[in-house]
Amino acid sequence: MTLLAVGTAVITIVPGCILFGLGVGNLLTLPPLIAQREFPPETISRVVALITAVNQAVFAFAPAVLGILRDISGSYLVAFLVAAAVELVAGCVVILGRGIAPAGELPRD
């Protein structure tokens, strides 16, 4: 995302697009894998359905929000940096949330 935010030349835009495209594959494969690892087997279908519902809501509104940020700032820099920050926060939530377990349960390793 940073390459897309700060670059204006083809040498930065093309790798940024390629890396972003490769990251989209994680959108399809990681949520079910994380759900299988972190939740009991009987709840996986509900967890994956909830993840999918939240993803669809974000997919519906994110382009509008990023477009509004672009219109307000006059460039895509702010929109791309906000998107990169959201991705960074999401990654931190996944990594830091591993040690949190519901009351009465031990984290699975």
Protein backbone atom coordinates (compact mmCIF):
# COMPACT_ATOMS: atom_id res chain seq x y z
CA MET A 1 0.00 0.00 0.00
CA THR A 2 2.83 2.38 0.74
CA LEU A 3 4.19 1.99 -2.79
CA LEU A 4 0.79 3.03 -4.12
CA ALA A 5 0.55 5.95 -1.71
CA VAL A 6 3.91 7.61 -2.28
CA GLY A 7 4.69 6.57 -5.82
CA THR A 8 3.71 8.31 -9.00
CA ALA A 9 6.05 6.52 -11.36
CA VAL A 10 5.39 3.19 -13.04
CA ILE A 11 8.37 1.69 -11.18
CA THR A 12 6.50 2.10 -7.85
CA ILE A 13 2.88 1.74 -9.00
CA VAL A 14 3.28 -1.63 -10.73
CA PRO A 15 5.02 -3.42 -7.80
CA GLY A 16 2.48 -1.83 -5.44
CA CYS A 17 -0.39 -3.23 -7.51
CA ILE A 18 1.25 -6.66 -7.70
CA LEU A 19 1.87 -6.82 -3.94
CA PHE A 20 -1.65 -5.63 -3.21
CA GLY A 21 -3.05 -8.28 -5.56
CA LEU A 22 -1.03 -10.99 -3.86
CA GLY A 23 -2.40 -9.83 -0.52
CA VAL A 24 -5.97 -10.33 -1.73
CA GLY A 25 -5.32 -14.09 -1.76
CA ASN A 26 -4.91 -13.89 2.00
CA LEU A 27 -8.39 -12.46 2.22
CA LEU A 28 -9.83 -15.74 0.96
CA THR A 29 -7.56 -18.25 2.68
CA LEU A 30 -6.55 -16.80 6.05
CA PRO A 31 -9.91 -16.20 7.79
CA PRO A 32 -11.07 -19.84 7.64
CA LEU A 33 -7.61 -21.06 8.62
CA ILE A 34 -7.46 -18.70 11.60
CA ALA A 35 -10.99 -19.72 12.61
CA GLN A 36 -10.05 -23.42 12.50
CA ARG A 37 -7.00 -22.75 14.62
CA GLU A 38 -8.59 -20.46 17.20
CA PHE A 39 -12.15 -21.70 17.69
CA PRO A 40 -13.72 -25.03 18.66
CA PRO A 41 -14.77 -27.20 15.69
CA GLU A 42 -18.49 -26.85 16.41
CA THR A 43 -18.36 -23.05 16.06
CA ILE A 44 -16.20 -22.74 12.94
CA SER A 45 -19.11 -22.44 10.51
CA ARG A 46 -20.63 -19.58 12.52
CA VAL A 47 -17.30 -17.83 12.91
CA VAL A 48 -16.47 -18.05 9.19
CA ALA A 49 -19.98 -16.81 8.32
CA LEU A 50 -19.54 -13.83 10.67
CA ILE A 51 -16.13 -13.06 9.17
CA THR A 52 -17.63 -13.18 5.69
CA ALA A 53 -20.50 -10.88 6.71
CA VAL A 54 -18.14 -8.32 8.22
CA ASN A 55 -15.89 -8.50 5.15
CA GLN A 56 -18.85 -7.88 2.84
CA ALA A 57 -19.91 -4.83 4.86
CA VAL A 58 -16.38 -3.43 4.67
CA PHE A 59 -16.21 -4.19 0.94
CA ALA A 60 -19.46 -2.29 0.44
CA PHE A 61 -18.47 0.89 2.28
CA ALA A 62 -14.66 1.08 1.98
CA PRO A 63 -14.60 2.42 -1.61
CA ALA A 64 -16.98 5.22 -0.67
CA VAL A 65 -15.01 6.13 2.46
CA LEU A 66 -11.70 6.09 0.58
CA GLY A 67 -13.27 8.14 -2.22
CA ILE A 68 -14.48 10.72 0.28
CA LEU A 69 -10.97 10.90 1.77
CA ARG A 70 -9.58 11.40 -1.72
CA ASP A 71 -12.07 14.16 -2.44
CA ILE A 72 -11.36 15.93 0.85
CA SER A 73 -7.56 15.74 0.55
CA GLY A 74 -7.33 16.16 -3.21
CA SER A 75 -5.04 13.15 -3.70
CA TYR A 76 -4.96 9.43 -3.11
CA LEU A 77 -2.13 9.72 -0.55
CA VAL A 78 -4.43 10.07 2.47
CA ALA A 79 -6.79 7.33 1.27
CA PHE A 80 -3.96 4.84 0.68
CA LEU A 81 -2.29 5.67 4.00
CA VAL A 82 -5.59 5.20 5.87
CA ALA A 83 -6.10 1.84 4.13
CA ALA A 84 -2.52 0.81 5.01
CA ALA A 85 -3.07 1.85 8.64
CA VAL A 86 -6.27 -0.21 8.83
CA GLU A 87 -4.41 -3.24 7.47
CA LEU A 88 -1.60 -2.72 10.00
CA VAL A 89 -4.09 -2.49 12.88
CA ALA A 90 -5.86 -5.64 11.65
CA GLY A 91 -2.56 -7.52 11.56
CA CYS A 92 -1.76 -6.38 15.09
CA VAL A 93 -5.19 -7.51 16.30
CA VAL A 94 -4.60 -10.98 14.87
CA ILE A 95 -1.10 -11.26 16.33
CA LEU A 96 -1.84 -9.74 19.74
CA GLY A 97 -5.22 -11.45 20.09
CA ARG A 98 -3.68 -14.91 20.11
CA GLY A 99 -3.13 -14.84 23.88
CA ILE A 100 -6.72 -13.86 24.70
CA ALA A 101 -9.03 -16.74 25.59
CA PRO A 102 -12.66 -16.74 26.71
CA ALA A 103 -13.25 -17.21 30.43
CA GLY A 104 -12.72 -20.80 31.47
CA GLU A 105 -10.79 -21.81 28.34
CA LEU A 106 -7.09 -22.11 27.72
CA PRO A 107 -5.55 -20.79 24.49
CA ARG A 108 -4.95 -23.57 21.96
CA ASP A 109 -1.39 -23.93 20.65
